[in-house]
Amino acid sequence: MFSFRYIDYTKVKAQLANAITLVNLSFGVIALILISKDLSHMSLVFIFLAALFDRFDGMTARHFHTESAFGKELDSLSDIISFGIAPALLIYHSALSDMLWVGIAAVIIYIACGAVRLARYNVEEFDGVFRGVPITAAGVILTALYFAIPYVGAPYLVIAMLVLSWAMVSNFKISKV
């Protein structure tokens, strides 16, 4: 029979932040599956939920003093799915697919800039100031632009994706909130 007294809670605490990160990743994958099934409107919920869990994984790691290089890498891999690929494909599938190569180019540039942003963050020592817009913020903004699709043309969404791409890899500094 299973007994809770045999659980080593220090090991549970050590992996709690990583478990939260994996929930973030899972929500990003669910969003991608929903987009592929023409349920883009439902994928919004999962991208926004991924952002909520992304907010709490780092807080949990700092609270329990379990920050690690592994956790940082896992978080970045999850973020590229949830805030790079999922929002870009959401906008492409919902509004840019008629612009074929222009839409594809905007998606590739956005995802590539997100990957560069994450790689740069992982190799630099964090001093409380972000260089460029974090991919989570860019992904949430891009996802929120889904609501603008009925009111703006596809070229404006391409411009928005390119501006967000530039903002992620730019060198301006943003204080952590």
N, C-alpha and C. Protein backbone atom coordinates (compact mmCIF):
# COMPACT_ATOMS: atom_id res chain seq x y z
N MET A 1 0.84 -1.17 0.00
CA MET A 1 0.00 0.00 0.00
C MET A 1 0.89 1.24 0.00
N PHE A 2 0.41 2.28 -0.63
CA PHE A 2 1.17 3.53 -0.77
C PHE A 2 1.02 4.37 0.50
N SER A 3 2.12 4.91 0.96
CA SER A 3 2.10 5.76 2.15
C SER A 3 2.84 7.05 1.85
N PHE A 4 2.24 8.17 2.25
CA PHE A 4 2.85 9.47 2.01
C PHE A 4 4.10 9.71 2.86
N ARG A 5 4.27 8.93 3.91
CA ARG A 5 5.43 9.15 4.76
C ARG A 5 6.74 8.73 4.10
N TYR A 6 6.65 8.01 2.99
CA TYR A 6 7.85 7.57 2.28
C TYR A 6 8.25 8.52 1.15
N ILE A 7 7.50 9.59 0.97
CA ILE A 7 7.81 10.56 -0.07
C ILE A 7 8.87 11.52 0.44
N ASP A 8 9.88 11.72 -0.35
CA ASP A 8 10.92 12.70 -0.02
C ASP A 8 10.48 14.05 -0.57
N TYR A 9 9.93 14.89 0.28
CA TYR A 9 9.37 16.16 -0.16
C TYR A 9 10.41 17.13 -0.70
N THR A 10 11.66 16.96 -0.35
CA THR A 10 12.69 17.83 -0.92
C THR A 10 12.84 17.56 -2.41
N LYS A 11 12.67 16.31 -2.82
CA LYS A 11 12.73 15.98 -4.25
C LYS A 11 11.50 16.49 -4.98
N VAL A 12 10.36 16.43 -4.32
CA VAL A 12 9.13 16.96 -4.92
C VAL A 12 9.27 18.46 -5.12
N LYS A 13 9.75 19.17 -4.08
CA LYS A 13 9.94 20.62 -4.20
C LYS A 13 10.94 20.95 -5.29
N ALA A 14 11.97 20.13 -5.44
CA ALA A 14 13.01 20.40 -6.43
C ALA A 14 12.46 20.31 -7.84
N GLN A 15 11.44 19.51 -8.06
CA GLN A 15 10.91 19.32 -9.41
C GLN A 15 9.59 20.06 -9.66
N LEU A 16 9.07 20.75 -8.67
CA LEU A 16 7.79 21.43 -8.82
C LEU A 16 7.83 22.49 -9.92
N ALA A 17 8.87 23.29 -9.96
CA ALA A 17 8.97 24.32 -11.00
C ALA A 17 9.04 23.69 -12.39
N ASN A 18 9.78 22.58 -12.50
CA ASN A 18 9.87 21.90 -13.80
C ASN A 18 8.52 21.30 -14.19
N ALA A 19 7.76 20.82 -13.23
CA ALA A 19 6.42 20.30 -13.52
C ALA A 19 5.51 21.41 -14.04
N ILE A 20 5.61 22.59 -13.42
CA ILE A 20 4.81 23.73 -13.88
C ILE A 20 5.24 24.11 -15.30
N THR A 21 6.53 24.07 -15.58
CA THR A 21 7.02 24.36 -16.93
C THR A 21 6.46 23.36 -17.93
N LEU A 22 6.37 22.11 -17.55
CA LEU A 22 5.82 21.09 -18.45
C LEU A 22 4.33 21.29 -18.69
N VAL A 23 3.63 21.86 -17.72
CA VAL A 23 2.22 22.23 -17.94
C VAL A 23 2.15 23.34 -18.99
N ASN A 24 3.04 24.32 -18.89
CA ASN A 24 3.15 25.38 -19.90
C ASN A 24 3.36 24.74 -21.28
N LEU A 25 4.32 23.84 -21.38
CA LEU A 25 4.59 23.15 -22.65
C LEU A 25 3.36 22.40 -23.14
N SER A 26 2.69 21.69 -22.24
CA SER A 26 1.50 20.92 -22.62
C SER A 26 0.41 21.83 -23.17
N PHE A 27 0.21 22.98 -22.55
CA PHE A 27 -0.80 23.92 -23.06
C PHE A 27 -0.42 24.45 -24.43
N GLY A 28 0.87 24.67 -24.66
CA GLY A 28 1.31 25.10 -25.99
C GLY A 28 1.05 24.04 -27.04
N VAL A 29 1.31 22.79 -26.70
CA VAL A 29 1.06 21.69 -27.64
C VAL A 29 -0.44 21.53 -27.90
N ILE A 30 -1.24 21.64 -26.84
CA ILE A 30 -2.70 21.58 -27.02
C ILE A 30 -3.16 22.69 -27.95
N ALA A 31 -2.62 23.89 -27.78
CA ALA A 31 -2.98 25.02 -28.66
C ALA A 31 -2.64 24.69 -30.11
N LEU A 32 -1.47 24.09 -30.35
CA LEU A 32 -1.08 23.72 -31.72
C LEU A 32 -2.03 22.67 -32.30
N ILE A 33 -2.42 21.71 -31.51
CA ILE A 33 -3.35 20.68 -31.99
C ILE A 33 -4.70 21.30 -32.31
N LEU A 34 -5.18 22.20 -31.47
CA LEU A 34 -6.45 22.87 -31.73
C LEU A 34 -6.38 23.71 -33.00
N ILE A 35 -5.27 24.39 -33.22
CA ILE A 35 -5.11 25.17 -34.44
C ILE A 35 -5.17 24.25 -35.66
N SER A 36 -4.51 23.10 -35.58
CA SER A 36 -4.51 22.16 -36.71
C SER A 36 -5.89 21.56 -36.96
N LYS A 37 -6.75 21.59 -35.96
CA LYS A 37 -8.12 21.06 -36.10
C LYS A 37 -9.13 22.17 -36.40
N ASP A 38 -8.65 23.34 -36.84
CA ASP A 38 -9.50 24.49 -37.15
C ASP A 38 -10.29 24.99 -35.94
N LEU A 39 -9.72 24.88 -34.75
CA LEU A 39 -10.33 25.38 -33.53
C LEU A 39 -9.47 26.49 -32.94
N SER A 40 -9.12 27.44 -33.80
CA SER A 40 -8.21 28.51 -33.39
C SER A 40 -8.74 29.30 -32.20
N HIS A 41 -10.04 29.54 -32.18
CA HIS A 41 -10.62 30.30 -31.09
C HIS A 41 -10.42 29.62 -29.74
N MET A 42 -10.37 28.30 -29.72
CA MET A 42 -10.14 27.57 -28.47
C MET A 42 -8.66 27.57 -28.08
N SER A 43 -7.78 27.66 -29.09
CA SER A 43 -6.34 27.66 -28.79
C SER A 43 -5.92 28.89 -28.00
N LEU A 44 -6.67 29.97 -28.15
CA LEU A 44 -6.38 31.20 -27.40
C LEU A 44 -6.32 30.93 -25.90
N VAL A 45 -7.28 30.20 -25.42
CA VAL A 45 -7.36 29.90 -23.99
C VAL A 45 -6.09 29.20 -23.52
N PHE A 46 -5.61 28.25 -24.31
CA PHE A 46 -4.44 27.48 -23.89
C PHE A 46 -3.15 28.28 -23.99
N ILE A 47 -3.06 29.19 -24.95
CA ILE A 47 -1.87 30.05 -25.01
C ILE A 47 -1.85 30.99 -23.81
N PHE A 48 -3.00 31.55 -23.46
CA PHE A 48 -3.06 32.43 -22.30
C PHE A 48 -2.81 31.66 -21.00
N LEU A 49 -3.31 30.42 -20.91
CA LEU A 49 -3.01 29.59 -19.73
C LEU A 49 -1.52 29.26 -19.65
N ALA A 50 -0.91 29.00 -20.80
CA ALA A 50 0.54 28.74 -20.82
C ALA A 50 1.29 29.95 -20.27
N ALA A 51 0.84 31.15 -20.61
CA ALA A 51 1.48 32.37 -20.10
C ALA A 51 1.35 32.46 -18.58
N LEU A 52 0.19 32.08 -18.08
CA LEU A 52 -0.03 32.10 -16.63
C LEU A 52 0.93 31.13 -15.94
N PHE A 53 1.05 29.92 -16.47
CA PHE A 53 1.94 28.94 -15.86
C PHE A 53 3.41 29.33 -16.05
N ASP A 54 3.73 30.00 -17.15
CA ASP A 54 5.09 30.47 -17.36
C ASP A 54 5.47 31.50 -16.30
N ARG A 55 4.52 32.26 -15.88
CA ARG A 55 4.77 33.26 -14.84
C ARG A 55 5.12 32.59 -13.51
N PHE A 56 4.50 31.45 -13.24
CA PHE A 56 4.66 30.83 -11.93
C PHE A 56 5.82 29.85 -11.83
N ASP A 57 6.35 29.35 -12.94
CA ASP A 57 7.43 28.37 -12.82
C ASP A 57 8.70 29.00 -12.25
N GLY A 58 9.06 30.16 -12.73
CA GLY A 58 10.24 30.84 -12.20
C GLY A 58 10.04 31.29 -10.76
N MET A 59 8.84 31.77 -10.46
CA MET A 59 8.54 32.19 -9.08
C MET A 59 8.67 31.00 -8.13
N THR A 60 8.18 29.85 -8.56
CA THR A 60 8.26 28.64 -7.73
C THR A 60 9.71 28.22 -7.52
N ALA A 61 10.50 28.25 -8.59
CA ALA A 61 11.92 27.86 -8.46
C ALA A 61 12.65 28.79 -7.51
N ARG A 62 12.38 30.09 -7.60
CA ARG A 62 13.04 31.03 -6.69
C ARG A 62 12.55 30.86 -5.25
N HIS A 63 11.26 30.61 -5.10
CA HIS A 63 10.70 30.45 -3.76
C HIS A 63 11.31 29.25 -3.02
N PHE A 64 11.46 28.14 -3.73
CA PHE A 64 12.01 26.93 -3.11
C PHE A 64 13.52 26.81 -3.28
N HIS A 65 14.14 27.84 -3.85
CA HIS A 65 15.59 27.84 -4.08
C HIS A 65 16.03 26.63 -4.90
N THR A 66 15.28 26.37 -5.98
CA THR A 66 15.58 25.20 -6.82
C THR A 66 15.88 25.62 -8.26
N GLU A 67 16.39 26.84 -8.44
CA GLU A 67 16.74 27.29 -9.78
C GLU A 67 17.89 26.42 -10.30
N SER A 68 17.83 26.10 -11.59
CA SER A 68 18.89 25.26 -12.17
C SER A 68 19.04 25.58 -13.65
N ALA A 69 20.18 25.21 -14.18
CA ALA A 69 20.42 25.38 -15.62
C ALA A 69 19.43 24.51 -16.41
N PHE A 70 19.16 23.32 -15.89
CA PHE A 70 18.19 22.43 -16.54
C PHE A 70 16.82 23.10 -16.63
N GLY A 71 16.37 23.69 -15.52
CA GLY A 71 15.07 24.35 -15.49
C GLY A 71 15.02 25.53 -16.44
N LYS A 72 16.11 26.27 -16.54
CA LYS A 72 16.17 27.42 -17.45
C LYS A 72 16.05 26.96 -18.91
N GLU A 73 16.75 25.88 -19.25
CA GLU A 73 16.69 25.35 -20.60
C GLU A 73 15.30 24.77 -20.91
N LEU A 74 14.74 24.03 -19.96
CA LEU A 74 13.40 23.46 -20.15
C LEU A 74 12.38 24.57 -20.35
N ASP A 75 12.51 25.64 -19.58
CA ASP A 75 11.60 26.78 -19.72
C ASP A 75 11.70 27.40 -21.11
N SER A 76 12.92 27.55 -21.61
CA SER A 76 13.10 28.13 -22.94
C SER A 76 12.52 27.24 -24.03
N LEU A 77 12.73 25.94 -23.90
CA LEU A 77 12.17 25.01 -24.89
C LEU A 77 10.65 25.04 -24.87
N SER A 78 10.09 25.16 -23.69
CA SER A 78 8.63 25.26 -23.57
C SER A 78 8.13 26.59 -24.14
N ASP A 79 8.87 27.66 -23.87
CA ASP A 79 8.45 28.99 -24.34
C ASP A 79 8.45 29.10 -25.86
N ILE A 80 9.40 28.46 -26.53
CA ILE A 80 9.41 28.56 -27.99
C ILE A 80 8.18 27.88 -28.59
N ILE A 81 7.68 26.84 -27.93
CA ILE A 81 6.46 26.18 -28.39
C ILE A 81 5.24 27.05 -28.07
N SER A 82 5.11 27.44 -26.80
CA SER A 82 3.91 28.12 -26.34
C SER A 82 3.78 29.57 -26.79
N PHE A 83 4.92 30.27 -26.96
CA PHE A 83 4.85 31.70 -27.28
C PHE A 83 5.55 32.06 -28.58
N GLY A 84 6.18 31.08 -29.21
CA GLY A 84 6.78 31.28 -30.51
C GLY A 84 5.94 30.61 -31.59
N ILE A 85 5.93 29.30 -31.57
CA ILE A 85 5.25 28.54 -32.63
C ILE A 85 3.73 28.67 -32.56
N ALA A 86 3.14 28.46 -31.38
CA ALA A 86 1.68 28.49 -31.28
C ALA A 86 1.06 29.83 -31.70
N PRO A 87 1.51 30.98 -31.17
CA PRO A 87 0.90 32.24 -31.61
C PRO A 87 1.13 32.53 -33.11
N ALA A 88 2.34 32.20 -33.60
CA ALA A 88 2.63 32.46 -35.01
C ALA A 88 1.72 31.63 -35.91
N LEU A 89 1.55 30.35 -35.59
CA LEU A 89 0.67 29.51 -36.41
C LEU A 89 -0.79 29.89 -36.24
N LEU A 90 -1.17 30.37 -35.05
CA LEU A 90 -2.53 30.85 -34.84
C LEU A 90 -2.84 31.99 -35.81
N ILE A 91 -1.97 32.97 -35.88
CA ILE A 91 -2.18 34.12 -36.77
C ILE A 91 -2.07 33.70 -38.23
N TYR A 92 -1.10 32.84 -38.54
CA TYR A 92 -0.96 32.37 -39.92
C TYR A 92 -2.22 31.63 -40.36
N HIS A 93 -2.66 30.69 -39.57
CA HIS A 93 -3.82 29.88 -39.93
C HIS A 93 -5.09 30.71 -40.01
N SER A 94 -5.21 31.71 -39.15
CA SER A 94 -6.43 32.51 -39.07
C SER A 94 -6.49 33.65 -40.07
N ALA A 95 -5.33 34.19 -40.48
CA ALA A 95 -5.37 35.40 -41.29
C ALA A 95 -4.34 35.47 -42.41
N LEU A 96 -3.23 34.77 -42.31
CA LEU A 96 -2.15 34.98 -43.27
C LEU A 96 -2.00 33.88 -44.32
N SER A 97 -2.79 32.83 -44.22
CA SER A 97 -2.61 31.70 -45.14
C SER A 97 -2.87 32.09 -46.59
N ASP A 98 -3.68 33.12 -46.83
CA ASP A 98 -3.92 33.57 -48.21
C ASP A 98 -2.73 34.32 -48.79
N MET A 99 -1.82 34.76 -47.92
CA MET A 99 -0.63 35.49 -48.36
C MET A 99 0.55 34.53 -48.52
N LEU A 100 0.30 33.28 -48.68
CA LEU A 100 1.23 32.16 -48.70
C LEU A 100 2.66 32.49 -48.30
N TRP A 101 3.52 32.92 -49.23
CA TRP A 101 4.95 33.07 -48.92
C TRP A 101 5.25 34.24 -48.00
N VAL A 102 4.49 35.30 -48.10
CA VAL A 102 4.68 36.42 -47.18
C VAL A 102 4.31 35.99 -45.76
N GLY A 103 3.20 35.28 -45.63
CA GLY A 103 2.77 34.78 -44.34
C GLY A 103 3.76 33.78 -43.76
N ILE A 104 4.23 32.87 -44.61
CA ILE A 104 5.22 31.88 -44.16
C ILE A 104 6.50 32.57 -43.72
N ALA A 105 6.95 33.56 -44.47
CA ALA A 105 8.16 34.30 -44.12
C ALA A 105 7.99 35.01 -42.77
N ALA A 106 6.84 35.63 -42.55
CA ALA A 106 6.59 36.32 -41.28
C ALA A 106 6.61 35.34 -40.11
N VAL A 107 6.03 34.16 -40.31
CA VAL A 107 6.02 33.14 -39.26
C VAL A 107 7.44 32.67 -38.96
N ILE A 108 8.22 32.40 -40.00
CA ILE A 108 9.60 31.92 -39.80
C ILE A 108 10.44 32.99 -39.11
N ILE A 109 10.31 34.23 -39.53
CA ILE A 109 11.08 35.31 -38.91
C ILE A 109 10.70 35.46 -37.44
N TYR A 110 9.40 35.43 -37.14
CA TYR A 110 8.94 35.56 -35.76
C TYR A 110 9.49 34.43 -34.88
N ILE A 111 9.37 33.20 -35.34
CA ILE A 111 9.83 32.05 -34.56
C ILE A 111 11.36 32.09 -34.42
N ALA A 112 12.07 32.43 -35.49
CA ALA A 112 13.54 32.50 -35.43
C ALA A 112 13.99 33.59 -34.44
N CYS A 113 13.35 34.74 -34.48
CA CYS A 113 13.71 35.82 -33.54
C CYS A 113 13.40 35.41 -32.10
N GLY A 114 12.30 34.69 -31.90
CA GLY A 114 11.98 34.17 -30.57
C GLY A 114 13.04 33.20 -30.07
N ALA A 115 13.52 32.33 -30.96
CA ALA A 115 14.56 31.37 -30.59
C ALA A 115 15.87 32.09 -30.26
N VAL A 116 16.21 33.09 -31.05
CA VAL A 116 17.43 33.88 -30.79
C VAL A 116 17.30 34.59 -29.44
N ARG A 117 16.14 35.15 -29.18
CA ARG A 117 15.89 35.85 -27.91
C ARG A 117 16.10 34.91 -26.72
N LEU A 118 15.55 33.72 -26.82
CA LEU A 118 15.68 32.74 -25.74
C LEU A 118 17.12 32.27 -25.58
N ALA A 119 17.80 32.03 -26.69
CA ALA A 119 19.20 31.59 -26.62
C ALA A 119 20.06 32.67 -25.99
N ARG A 120 19.83 33.92 -26.37
CA ARG A 120 20.61 35.02 -25.79
C ARG A 120 20.36 35.12 -24.29
N TYR A 121 19.11 34.97 -23.88
CA TYR A 121 18.78 35.04 -22.45
C TYR A 121 19.47 33.91 -21.68
N ASN A 122 19.54 32.73 -22.28
CA ASN A 122 20.12 31.58 -21.57
C ASN A 122 21.63 31.68 -21.39
N VAL A 123 22.32 32.39 -22.25
CA VAL A 123 23.77 32.46 -22.13
C VAL A 123 24.25 33.69 -21.37
N GLU A 124 23.37 34.65 -21.14
CA GLU A 124 23.75 35.85 -20.40
C GLU A 124 23.38 35.72 -18.94
N GLU A 125 24.10 36.42 -18.12
CA GLU A 125 23.78 36.48 -16.69
C GLU A 125 22.66 37.50 -16.52
N PHE A 126 21.56 37.10 -15.90
CA PHE A 126 20.42 37.98 -15.73
C PHE A 126 20.67 38.95 -14.58
N ASP A 127 20.54 40.24 -14.86
CA ASP A 127 20.78 41.27 -13.85
C ASP A 127 19.52 42.04 -13.48
N GLY A 128 18.35 41.46 -13.74
CA GLY A 128 17.09 42.11 -13.42
C GLY A 128 16.54 42.96 -14.54
N VAL A 129 17.26 43.02 -15.66
CA VAL A 129 16.83 43.82 -16.81
C VAL A 129 16.86 42.92 -18.05
N PHE A 130 15.73 42.88 -18.74
CA PHE A 130 15.65 42.12 -19.99
C PHE A 130 16.20 42.94 -21.14
N ARG A 131 16.92 42.31 -22.03
CA ARG A 131 17.32 42.95 -23.29
C ARG A 131 16.35 42.48 -24.34
N GLY A 132 15.54 43.41 -24.84
CA GLY A 132 14.50 43.06 -25.80
C GLY A 132 13.25 42.57 -25.09
N VAL A 133 12.18 42.48 -25.83
CA VAL A 133 10.89 42.04 -25.28
C VAL A 133 10.95 40.53 -25.04
N PRO A 134 10.59 40.06 -23.85
CA PRO A 134 10.55 38.61 -23.62
C PRO A 134 9.55 37.92 -24.55
N ILE A 135 9.88 36.70 -24.93
CA ILE A 135 9.02 35.98 -25.88
C ILE A 135 7.62 35.76 -25.32
N THR A 136 7.49 35.63 -24.01
CA THR A 136 6.16 35.46 -23.42
C THR A 136 5.29 36.68 -23.71
N ALA A 137 5.83 37.86 -23.52
CA ALA A 137 5.08 39.09 -23.79
C ALA A 137 4.75 39.21 -25.28
N ALA A 138 5.72 38.94 -26.14
CA ALA A 138 5.48 39.00 -27.58
C ALA A 138 4.41 38.00 -27.99
N GLY A 139 4.47 36.79 -27.43
CA GLY A 139 3.50 35.76 -27.77
C GLY A 139 2.09 36.10 -27.32
N VAL A 140 1.98 36.69 -26.13
CA VAL A 140 0.66 37.09 -25.63
C VAL A 140 0.11 38.24 -26.48
N ILE A 141 0.95 39.18 -26.86
CA ILE A 141 0.50 40.29 -27.72
C ILE A 141 0.05 39.75 -29.07
N LEU A 142 0.85 38.86 -29.66
CA LEU A 142 0.48 38.30 -30.96
C LEU A 142 -0.81 37.50 -30.86
N THR A 143 -0.97 36.75 -29.79
CA THR A 143 -2.21 35.98 -29.59
C THR A 143 -3.40 36.93 -29.44
N ALA A 144 -3.23 38.01 -28.71
CA ALA A 144 -4.32 38.98 -28.53
C ALA A 144 -4.71 39.64 -29.85
N LEU A 145 -3.75 39.72 -30.79
CA LEU A 145 -4.07 40.30 -32.10
C LEU A 145 -5.07 39.44 -32.89
N TYR A 146 -5.29 38.23 -32.45
CA TYR A 146 -6.32 37.38 -33.06
C TYR A 146 -7.67 38.10 -33.04
N PHE A 147 -7.92 38.84 -31.96
CA PHE A 147 -9.19 39.55 -31.84
C PHE A 147 -9.30 40.71 -32.83
N ALA A 148 -8.18 41.16 -33.39
CA ALA A 148 -8.19 42.26 -34.36
C ALA A 148 -8.38 41.77 -35.79
N ILE A 149 -8.34 40.48 -36.03
CA ILE A 149 -8.41 39.95 -37.39
C ILE A 149 -9.61 40.46 -38.18
N PRO A 150 -10.81 40.52 -37.59
CA PRO A 150 -11.95 41.03 -38.38
C PRO A 150 -11.84 42.51 -38.75
N TYR A 151 -10.96 43.24 -38.07
CA TYR A 151 -10.91 44.69 -38.23
C TYR A 151 -9.68 45.20 -38.98
N VAL A 152 -8.65 44.39 -39.09
CA VAL A 152 -7.44 44.82 -39.79
C VAL A 152 -7.09 43.81 -40.88
N GLY A 153 -6.41 44.28 -41.90
CA GLY A 153 -6.02 43.42 -42.99
C GLY A 153 -4.79 42.59 -42.64
N ALA A 154 -4.59 41.55 -43.40
CA ALA A 154 -3.46 40.65 -43.19
C ALA A 154 -2.11 41.38 -43.26
N PRO A 155 -1.92 42.36 -44.17
CA PRO A 155 -0.62 43.05 -44.19
C PRO A 155 -0.27 43.73 -42.86
N TYR A 156 -1.27 44.23 -42.15
CA TYR A 156 -1.00 44.86 -40.85
C TYR A 156 -0.57 43.82 -39.81
N LEU A 157 -1.11 42.61 -39.92
CA LEU A 157 -0.69 41.54 -39.01
C LEU A 157 0.74 41.11 -39.31
N VAL A 158 1.11 41.10 -40.58
CA VAL A 158 2.49 40.79 -40.95
C VAL A 158 3.42 41.85 -40.35
N ILE A 159 3.03 43.12 -40.48
CA ILE A 159 3.83 44.20 -39.91
C ILE A 159 3.95 44.03 -38.39
N ALA A 160 2.84 43.70 -37.74
CA ALA A 160 2.86 43.50 -36.29
C ALA A 160 3.80 42.35 -35.92
N MET A 161 3.78 41.25 -36.68
CA MET A 161 4.68 40.13 -36.41
C MET A 161 6.14 40.54 -36.58
N LEU A 162 6.41 41.34 -37.61
CA LEU A 162 7.79 41.78 -37.84
C LEU A 162 8.26 42.75 -36.76
N VAL A 163 7.38 43.62 -36.30
CA VAL A 163 7.72 44.55 -35.22
C VAL A 163 8.00 43.77 -33.93
N LEU A 164 7.15 42.78 -33.63
CA LEU A 164 7.39 41.96 -32.44
C LEU A 164 8.69 41.17 -32.57
N SER A 165 8.97 40.69 -33.77
CA SER A 165 10.22 39.96 -34.01
C SER A 165 11.41 40.86 -33.72
N TRP A 166 11.38 42.06 -34.26
CA TRP A 166 12.46 43.02 -34.02
C TRP A 166 12.57 43.34 -32.53
N ALA A 167 11.43 43.52 -31.88
CA ALA A 167 11.43 43.89 -30.46
C ALA A 167 12.07 42.80 -29.60
N MET A 168 11.89 41.54 -29.98
CA MET A 168 12.49 40.45 -29.20
C MET A 168 14.00 40.44 -29.29
N VAL A 169 14.56 40.77 -30.44
CA VAL A 169 16.01 40.69 -30.62
C VAL A 169 16.71 42.04 -30.47
N SER A 170 15.94 43.08 -30.18
CA SER A 170 16.53 44.41 -30.03
C SER A 170 17.35 44.47 -28.74
N ASN A 171 18.07 45.55 -28.58
CA ASN A 171 18.94 45.71 -27.42
C ASN A 171 18.39 46.66 -26.36
N PHE A 172 17.17 47.17 -26.57
CA PHE A 172 16.66 48.07 -25.53
C PHE A 172 16.33 47.27 -24.27
N LYS A 173 16.44 47.95 -23.14
CA LYS A 173 16.33 47.28 -21.85
C LYS A 173 14.96 47.50 -21.23
N ILE A 174 14.43 46.40 -20.65
CA ILE A 174 13.14 46.42 -19.98
C ILE A 174 13.34 45.84 -18.59
N SER A 175 12.93 46.60 -17.57
CA SER A 175 13.05 46.11 -16.20
C SER A 175 12.04 45.01 -15.95
N LYS A 176 12.46 44.02 -15.17
CA LYS A 176 11.56 42.93 -14.82
C LYS A 176 10.50 43.44 -13.86
N VAL A 177 9.25 43.08 -14.14
CA VAL A 177 8.12 43.51 -13.30
C VAL A 177 7.86 42.49 -12.24
